Amino acid sequence: MPRFAAIGLDHRHVYDLTQGLLDAGAECVGYNPDTTDPRVLGGFQKRFPHVPAISKSQLLDDPTIDFVVLSAVPRDRADLAIAAMQRGKDVLCDKPGVTTPDQLADVQRATRETGRIWTVCFSERFIKPSARKAWELTRSGAIGRVVQTVGLGPHRLNRPLRPSWFFDKPAYGGIINDIGCHQIDQFLAFSGATDATIVSSTIGCFGTEPEGFEDFAEMTFQTPSVRGYARIDWFTADGLPSWGDGRLFVLGTEGSIELRKNVDLAGRDGGDHLFLVDKHSTRHIPCEDMPVTYFRDFLSDIATRTTTCVPQSHVFTVCRLALEAQARADRFVAQIP
């Protein structure tokens, strides 16, 4: 049974990562209780009362631990990942995996020198049943050749739940690096490309406190055969029964797919709704029961040293493109009357 530890309990994503790995058959042998947000720590202890608290150094130095899960403050994730790899451990990181180009270069060097796996869980594709179904349909030719993708990634701010680092740009790397990486990952996957060109990127500051906080962004990208557009923001209203109405549109030469990942507005209950239009019909495909194999595939990769889960090069490319789009973005500061 693969053994892992959770280090850096600073974001609630650590709950899903840990539970997904436990469900896939791994054993969580300890967690590091150091945190910038005691509420995250308390939530972890409530969900996983059987997991003991152990110091970071003990976890990193334990030779019986196969890999670590990192959900630390984003600017700290690269150093923690490198420390783990240098001690013979693979790494599953919450997004974003890095916050600067130098950190990405350091992580890439560490993977080459140690031979360890470093991967980032882009959860909006990897662990969403509707995204997996859409990928299968696209790969099978259900909508012909892909022409364009449109990804919408709105998020609820949930200000009372956010620690101070959440509003500190160097700590999270900017809005595109933080949540735009999901959209870049999806574009590459559905276009079938190994790389892309960032055509344009814009970051908006529409007045969310504190001043200068990046609350909106949009990007366009392309490959030689596919175009893409994405919008991300922190403006999901409290009335929505989800953290955001995440949507993905995949346009093909013979049809189209729309995903409503979290909610079907004023319609069907639950999430993971897929709508397929092809030459024969228009139909709704519920996907909540679609099996998600991401965590199982990751554990297989740990055991066999393969990349069933996601190619290492893909993870590096997504991180590089997100950093590039973040760095070169035009800035739009709304003039509030």
Protein backbone atom coordinates (compact mmCIF):
# COMPACT_ATOMS: atom_id res chain seq x y z
CA MET A 1 0.00 0.00 0.00
CA PRO A 2 1.51 3.39 -1.00
CA ARG A 3 2.24 5.62 1.98
CA PHE A 4 2.00 9.40 1.87
CA ALA A 5 2.10 12.49 4.07
CA ALA A 6 0.31 15.84 3.82
CA ILE A 7 2.57 18.85 4.24
CA GLY A 8 1.41 22.47 4.15
CA LEU A 9 -2.20 22.60 5.32
CA ASP A 10 -2.85 26.12 4.06
CA HIS A 11 -5.59 25.52 1.48
CA ARG A 12 -8.76 23.44 1.69
CA HIS A 13 -7.85 21.58 -1.49
CA VAL A 14 -5.80 19.32 0.77
CA TYR A 15 -9.06 17.68 1.85
CA ASP A 16 -9.98 16.47 -1.65
CA LEU A 17 -6.42 15.41 -2.44
CA THR A 18 -6.14 13.38 0.75
CA GLN A 19 -9.59 11.78 0.45
CA GLY A 20 -9.07 10.93 -3.20
CA LEU A 21 -5.81 9.16 -2.43
CA LEU A 22 -7.32 7.29 0.52
CA ASP A 23 -10.23 6.14 -1.67
CA ALA A 24 -7.71 4.97 -4.29
CA GLY A 25 -5.98 2.75 -1.74
CA ALA A 26 -3.12 4.83 -0.34
CA GLU A 27 -2.36 5.29 3.37
CA CYS A 28 -1.89 8.74 4.90
CA VAL A 29 0.69 8.17 7.64
CA GLY A 30 0.97 11.71 8.93
CA TYR A 31 0.47 15.43 8.40
CA ASN A 32 2.48 18.49 9.26
CA PRO A 33 0.32 20.72 11.51
CA ASP A 34 2.12 23.96 10.58
CA THR A 35 -0.41 26.26 8.91
CA THR A 36 -1.27 29.87 8.13
CA ASP A 37 -4.96 29.07 8.59
CA PRO A 38 -6.03 27.19 11.73
CA ARG A 39 -9.43 26.60 10.16
CA VAL A 40 -7.88 24.46 7.43
CA LEU A 41 -5.96 22.50 10.04
CA GLY A 42 -9.12 22.00 12.10
CA GLY A 43 -11.01 20.80 9.04
CA PHE A 44 -8.27 18.29 8.22
CA GLN A 45 -8.24 16.94 11.79
CA LYS A 46 -12.03 16.56 11.75
CA ARG A 47 -12.06 14.74 8.41
CA PHE A 48 -9.06 12.50 9.11
CA PRO A 49 -8.92 11.94 12.88
CA HIS A 50 -6.88 8.75 12.47
CA VAL A 51 -3.94 10.55 10.84
CA PRO A 52 -1.24 11.64 13.32
CA ALA A 53 0.41 15.07 13.46
CA ILE A 54 4.15 14.78 12.77
CA SER A 55 6.80 17.44 12.22
CA LYS A 56 7.74 18.38 8.67
CA SER A 57 11.35 17.24 9.09
CA GLN A 58 10.28 13.82 10.37
CA LEU A 59 7.91 13.34 7.45
CA LEU A 60 10.49 14.39 4.87
CA ASP A 61 13.17 12.16 6.39
CA ASP A 62 10.96 9.09 6.77
CA PRO A 63 12.21 6.59 4.14
CA THR A 64 8.97 4.57 4.31
CA ILE A 65 6.91 7.44 2.89
CA ASP A 66 6.53 7.16 -0.89
CA PHE A 67 5.22 10.61 -1.71
CA VAL A 68 3.94 13.85 -0.21
CA VAL A 69 0.88 15.97 -0.88
CA LEU A 70 1.52 19.71 -0.79
CA SER A 71 -1.12 22.38 -0.23
CA ALA A 72 1.10 24.99 1.38
CA VAL A 73 1.08 28.72 0.60
CA PRO A 74 1.80 28.66 -3.15
CA ARG A 75 5.11 30.54 -2.95
CA ASP A 76 6.41 27.83 -0.58
CA ARG A 77 5.38 24.79 -2.63
CA ALA A 78 8.43 24.63 -4.90
CA ASP A 79 10.93 24.57 -2.04
CA LEU A 80 8.94 21.93 -0.20
CA ALA A 81 8.64 19.82 -3.34
CA ILE A 82 12.37 20.01 -4.01
CA ALA A 83 13.14 19.06 -0.40
CA ALA A 84 10.85 16.04 -0.72
CA MET A 85 12.31 14.93 -4.06
CA GLN A 86 15.85 15.22 -2.72
CA ARG A 87 14.80 12.82 0.03
CA GLY A 88 13.52 10.24 -2.45
CA LYS A 89 9.82 11.15 -2.48
CA ASP A 90 7.43 11.87 -5.31
CA VAL A 91 5.22 14.94 -5.06
CA LEU A 92 1.54 15.61 -5.73
CA CYS A 93 1.00 19.36 -5.49
CA ASP A 94 -2.08 21.50 -5.26
CA LYS A 95 -2.25 24.16 -7.96
CA PRO A 96 -0.42 26.41 -8.57
CA GLY A 97 2.73 24.34 -8.24
CA VAL A 98 5.03 27.35 -8.59
CA THR A 99 4.76 31.13 -8.51
CA THR A 100 7.86 32.26 -10.47
CA PRO A 101 9.85 31.10 -13.52
CA ASP A 102 12.88 30.54 -11.28
CA GLN A 103 10.87 28.17 -9.09
CA LEU A 104 9.74 26.25 -12.17
CA ALA A 105 13.32 25.93 -13.39
CA ASP A 106 14.41 24.70 -9.95
CA VAL A 107 11.65 22.08 -9.85
CA GLN A 108 12.49 20.89 -13.36
CA ARG A 109 16.13 20.55 -12.38
CA ALA A 110 15.19 18.59 -9.27
CA THR A 111 13.10 16.10 -11.25
CA ARG A 112 16.01 15.51 -13.62
CA GLU A 113 18.54 15.09 -10.83
CA THR A 114 16.40 12.89 -8.57
CA GLY A 115 14.24 10.98 -11.05
CA ARG A 116 11.19 11.70 -8.91
CA ILE A 117 7.67 12.53 -10.11
CA TRP A 118 6.40 16.07 -9.55
CA THR A 119 2.85 16.70 -10.64
CA VAL A 120 0.11 19.25 -10.07
CA CYS A 121 -3.56 18.37 -9.66
CA PHE A 122 -5.48 20.53 -12.13
CA SER A 123 -8.71 19.47 -10.51
CA GLU A 124 -11.14 21.16 -12.89
CA ARG A 125 -10.23 18.51 -15.46
CA PHE A 126 -8.61 15.68 -13.54
CA ILE A 127 -11.29 15.01 -10.95
CA LYS A 128 -14.47 16.25 -12.65
CA PRO A 129 -16.49 13.36 -14.14
CA SER A 130 -18.02 15.61 -16.80
CA ALA A 131 -14.57 16.74 -17.98
CA ARG A 132 -13.43 13.13 -18.27
CA LYS A 133 -16.54 12.21 -20.28
CA ALA A 134 -16.08 15.23 -22.54
CA TRP A 135 -12.46 14.27 -23.16
CA GLU A 136 -13.48 10.72 -24.10
CA LEU A 137 -16.16 11.98 -26.49
CA THR A 138 -13.75 14.44 -28.08
CA ARG A 139 -11.02 11.84 -28.52
CA SER A 140 -13.52 9.41 -30.08
CA GLY A 141 -14.41 11.96 -32.77
CA ALA A 142 -17.94 12.64 -31.52
CA ILE A 143 -17.76 16.31 -32.56
CA GLY A 144 -15.23 16.00 -35.37
CA ARG A 145 -11.99 17.99 -35.31
CA VAL A 146 -11.73 20.49 -32.45
CA VAL A 147 -11.85 24.10 -33.63
CA GLN A 148 -12.04 26.10 -30.40
CA THR A 149 -12.45 25.81 -26.65
CA VAL A 150 -14.02 28.38 -24.34
CA GLY A 151 -13.41 27.95 -20.63
CA LEU A 152 -15.20 29.93 -17.92
CA GLY A 153 -13.83 29.70 -14.39
CA PRO A 154 -15.77 31.98 -12.04
CA HIS A 155 -15.05 31.59 -8.33
CA ARG A 156 -16.68 32.79 -5.11
CA LEU A 157 -14.40 35.08 -3.10
CA ASN A 158 -15.57 33.85 0.33
CA ARG A 159 -13.65 36.69 1.93
CA PRO A 160 -14.21 35.65 5.58
CA LEU A 161 -12.56 32.28 4.85
CA ARG A 162 -9.46 33.66 3.14
CA PRO A 163 -6.13 33.96 4.98
CA SER A 164 -4.01 37.08 4.50
CA TRP A 165 -1.69 35.45 1.94
CA PHE A 166 -4.63 34.99 -0.41
CA PHE A 167 -4.55 38.75 -1.10
CA ASP A 168 -0.75 38.96 -1.37
CA LYS A 169 0.19 38.60 -5.05
CA PRO A 170 3.76 37.29 -4.50
CA ALA A 171 2.29 34.60 -2.25
CA TYR A 172 -0.11 33.17 -4.85
CA GLY A 173 1.50 34.32 -8.08
CA GLY A 174 -1.41 36.28 -9.57
CA ILE A 175 -4.87 35.31 -10.74
CA ILE A 176 -3.82 33.67 -14.03
CA ASN A 177 -1.09 31.65 -12.38
CA ASP A 178 -3.44 30.63 -9.58
CA ILE A 179 -6.70 29.67 -11.30
CA GLY A 180 -5.98 30.35 -14.98
CA CYS A 181 -3.72 27.30 -15.05
CA HIS A 182 -6.89 25.16 -15.09
CA GLN A 183 -7.99 26.78 -18.34
CA ILE A 184 -4.60 26.32 -19.97
CA ASP A 185 -4.56 22.66 -18.96
CA GLN A 186 -7.99 22.12 -20.49
CA PHE A 187 -7.10 23.91 -23.72
CA LEU A 188 -4.00 21.79 -24.25
CA ALA A 189 -5.88 18.58 -23.45
CA PHE A 190 -8.89 19.18 -25.68
CA SER A 191 -6.83 20.59 -28.54
CA GLY A 192 -4.54 17.56 -28.34
CA ALA A 193 -1.52 19.86 -28.25
CA THR A 194 1.75 19.64 -26.34
CA ASP A 195 2.27 23.42 -26.39
CA ALA A 196 0.43 26.62 -27.24
CA THR A 197 0.95 30.31 -27.91
CA ILE A 198 -0.50 32.92 -25.57
CA VAL A 199 -2.05 35.38 -28.02
CA SER A 200 -3.21 37.85 -25.40
CA SER A 201 -3.94 38.11 -21.71
CA THR A 202 -5.58 40.78 -19.59
CA ILE A 203 -5.91 41.12 -15.85
CA GLY A 204 -8.68 43.25 -14.40
CA CYS A 205 -8.98 45.00 -11.06
CA PHE A 206 -12.62 45.93 -10.69
CA GLY A 207 -12.46 47.31 -7.19
CA THR A 208 -12.36 44.25 -4.95
CA GLU A 209 -10.61 45.13 -1.69
CA PRO A 210 -7.69 45.38 -1.07
CA GLU A 211 -6.83 47.88 -3.78
CA GLY A 212 -5.11 46.25 -6.72
CA PHE A 213 -6.42 42.75 -6.03
CA GLU A 214 -6.68 40.82 -9.29
CA ASP A 215 -10.34 39.80 -9.49
CA PHE A 216 -10.73 39.17 -13.24
CA ALA A 217 -8.67 37.86 -16.15
CA GLU A 218 -9.12 36.67 -19.70
CA MET A 219 -6.81 34.92 -22.14
CA THR A 220 -6.71 33.83 -25.75
CA PHE A 221 -4.40 31.11 -26.96
CA GLN A 222 -3.82 29.04 -30.05
CA THR A 223 -2.08 26.10 -31.61
CA PRO A 224 -1.55 25.78 -35.38
CA SER A 225 -5.07 24.33 -35.66
CA VAL A 226 -7.13 25.33 -32.60
CA ARG A 227 -8.07 28.61 -30.91
CA GLY A 228 -9.04 29.10 -27.28
CA TYR A 229 -10.52 31.69 -24.94
CA ALA A 230 -10.81 31.68 -21.16
CA ARG A 231 -12.27 33.95 -18.51
CA ILE A 232 -11.69 33.66 -14.78
CA ASP A 233 -12.95 35.85 -11.97
CA TRP A 234 -13.83 36.15 -8.27
CA PHE A 235 -17.40 37.40 -8.77
CA THR A 236 -19.61 34.36 -8.12
CA ALA A 237 -22.56 35.68 -6.13
CA ASP A 238 -23.60 34.07 -2.85
CA GLY A 239 -26.92 32.96 -4.33
CA LEU A 240 -25.31 30.29 -6.48
CA PRO A 241 -25.37 26.85 -4.77
CA SER A 242 -21.74 26.23 -5.72
CA TRP A 243 -18.37 27.98 -5.56
CA GLY A 244 -18.71 28.83 -9.26
CA ASP A 245 -20.56 28.04 -12.46
CA GLY A 246 -17.58 26.40 -14.14
CA ARG A 247 -18.23 25.85 -17.83
CA LEU A 248 -16.32 24.46 -20.78
CA PHE A 249 -17.36 24.65 -24.42
CA VAL A 250 -15.63 22.51 -27.03
CA LEU A 251 -16.49 23.41 -30.62
CA GLY A 252 -15.84 20.82 -33.31
CA THR A 253 -16.34 20.64 -37.04
CA GLU A 254 -19.26 18.23 -36.58
CA GLY A 255 -20.76 19.20 -33.24
CA SER A 256 -20.17 20.78 -29.85
CA ILE A 257 -19.96 19.95 -26.17
CA GLU A 258 -20.89 22.13 -23.22
CA LEU A 259 -20.04 21.23 -19.64
CA ARG A 260 -21.84 22.67 -16.63
CA LYS A 261 -19.45 21.26 -14.07
CA ASN A 262 -20.99 22.42 -10.81
CA VAL A 263 -24.58 23.52 -11.40
CA ASP A 264 -27.27 23.53 -14.07
CA LEU A 265 -28.73 26.99 -13.56
CA ALA A 266 -32.43 26.81 -12.63
CA GLY A 267 -32.52 23.27 -14.01
CA ARG A 268 -31.41 19.77 -13.08
CA ASP A 269 -30.09 18.96 -9.63
CA GLY A 270 -26.45 18.23 -8.93
CA GLY A 271 -23.36 18.87 -11.01
CA ASP A 272 -21.39 17.36 -13.88
CA HIS A 273 -23.87 18.02 -16.67
CA LEU A 274 -22.75 17.49 -20.27
CA PHE A 275 -24.67 18.67 -23.33
CA LEU A 276 -23.73 17.14 -26.67
CA VAL A 277 -24.87 18.42 -30.06
CA ASP A 278 -23.92 16.33 -33.08
CA LYS A 279 -25.32 15.58 -36.55
CA HIS A 280 -27.97 13.31 -35.03
CA SER A 281 -29.41 15.08 -31.97
CA THR A 282 -29.05 17.33 -28.98
CA ARG A 283 -28.87 15.52 -25.68
CA HIS A 284 -28.04 15.88 -22.02
CA ILE A 285 -25.61 13.35 -20.55
CA PRO A 286 -25.43 13.15 -16.73
CA CYS A 287 -21.88 12.38 -15.63
CA GLU A 288 -21.96 12.25 -11.84
CA ASP A 289 -21.49 8.48 -11.91
CA MET A 290 -18.63 8.60 -14.39
CA PRO A 291 -15.60 7.01 -12.69
CA VAL A 292 -12.67 9.31 -11.97
CA THR A 293 -9.39 7.43 -12.08
CA TYR A 294 -6.93 10.28 -11.52
CA PHE A 295 -5.78 9.26 -8.05
CA ARG A 296 -5.66 5.58 -8.94
CA ASP A 297 -3.59 6.41 -12.01
CA PHE A 298 -1.24 8.55 -9.93
CA LEU A 299 -0.65 5.68 -7.51
CA SER A 300 0.03 3.40 -10.46
CA ASP A 301 2.62 5.85 -11.74
CA ILE A 302 4.29 5.89 -8.32
CA ALA A 303 4.59 2.13 -8.43
CA THR A 304 5.58 1.67 -12.08
CA ARG A 305 7.41 4.97 -12.80
CA THR A 306 5.07 5.71 -15.69
CA THR A 307 2.97 8.76 -16.66
CA THR A 308 -0.52 7.28 -16.93
CA CYS A 309 -1.85 10.08 -14.75
CA VAL A 310 -0.47 13.00 -16.78
CA PRO A 311 2.81 13.46 -18.67
CA GLN A 312 5.46 15.34 -16.72
CA SER A 313 6.07 17.58 -19.73
CA HIS A 314 2.40 18.60 -19.79
CA VAL A 315 2.53 19.78 -16.18
CA PHE A 316 5.67 21.82 -16.86
CA THR A 317 4.11 23.36 -19.98
CA VAL A 318 0.91 24.38 -18.19
CA CYS A 319 2.95 26.06 -15.44
CA ARG A 320 5.20 27.84 -17.95
CA LEU A 321 2.30 29.15 -20.03
CA ALA A 322 0.41 30.34 -16.94
CA LEU A 323 3.47 32.24 -15.73
CA GLU A 324 3.95 33.72 -19.19
CA ALA A 325 0.34 34.82 -19.51
CA GLN A 326 0.48 36.32 -16.01
CA ALA A 327 3.70 38.24 -16.68
CA ARG A 328 2.74 39.70 -20.05
CA ALA A 329 -0.89 40.54 -19.26
CA ASP A 330 -2.29 43.98 -19.91
CA ARG A 331 -3.85 45.47 -16.80
CA PHE A 332 -7.32 46.96 -16.73
CA VAL A 333 -8.10 49.00 -13.63
CA ALA A 334 -11.76 49.91 -13.57
CA GLN A 335 -12.58 53.56 -12.95
CA ILE A 336 -15.25 53.34 -10.28
CA PRO A 337 -17.60 56.40 -10.32
